[in-house]
Every structure is written in structure tokens, then in C-alpha cells.
């Protein structure tokens, strides 16, 4: 189980590891067991209620072929394919 502090430390390590990697559009923290909207209580397959308050790293990528580690310092990494991020006018 990753506390918020542990997840923050792991986020720094992950940011250093994948900085400059093409296709990474964002790195953040999320509570495990949250749905796409980030709302608590939305079930995620494979998660138990006792892990619902666990923190994970969340990495947004432009495509599924961007290499991202599955864990960093014992903290799980969730990958979300968001597509390319561009400015709009």
C-alpha cells in the first residue's frame, strides 16, 4: 500500500526516469480504485475495498506503445492513453 507521501516520492523518481520521453503527456497521483473521472467509489477490476484509499501514479501517454514502468519504488503505475495533447485556438 502506498501512502500519499510515498507516492509523491515515487512520482519524483518516475518524472526523472521518463523526462523527455516522447509521448508522455502527463504524470500525476491518483487514489487507487478511482474511475476515469477520478471519483472515489467507482470500482476498478482487481481492486478490493481495502485498497480503495491506496495511492498510485498515473501517467498519460499519447499512444499505447510509449514505454512506462509498471511500478516505481513499490508504487503501482496506471497508464492512460489520452492521445496527443495539442493547443486549441
Foldseek 3Di string as FASTA:
>chain_A
DADPVNQVVQQVVQCVVCPPQPFWDDKDKAQPQADPVRDQPNGDPPDDPVSRRPMAMEIEGQDPPRDGDQDGPRGGYHYHHDHDDDDDD
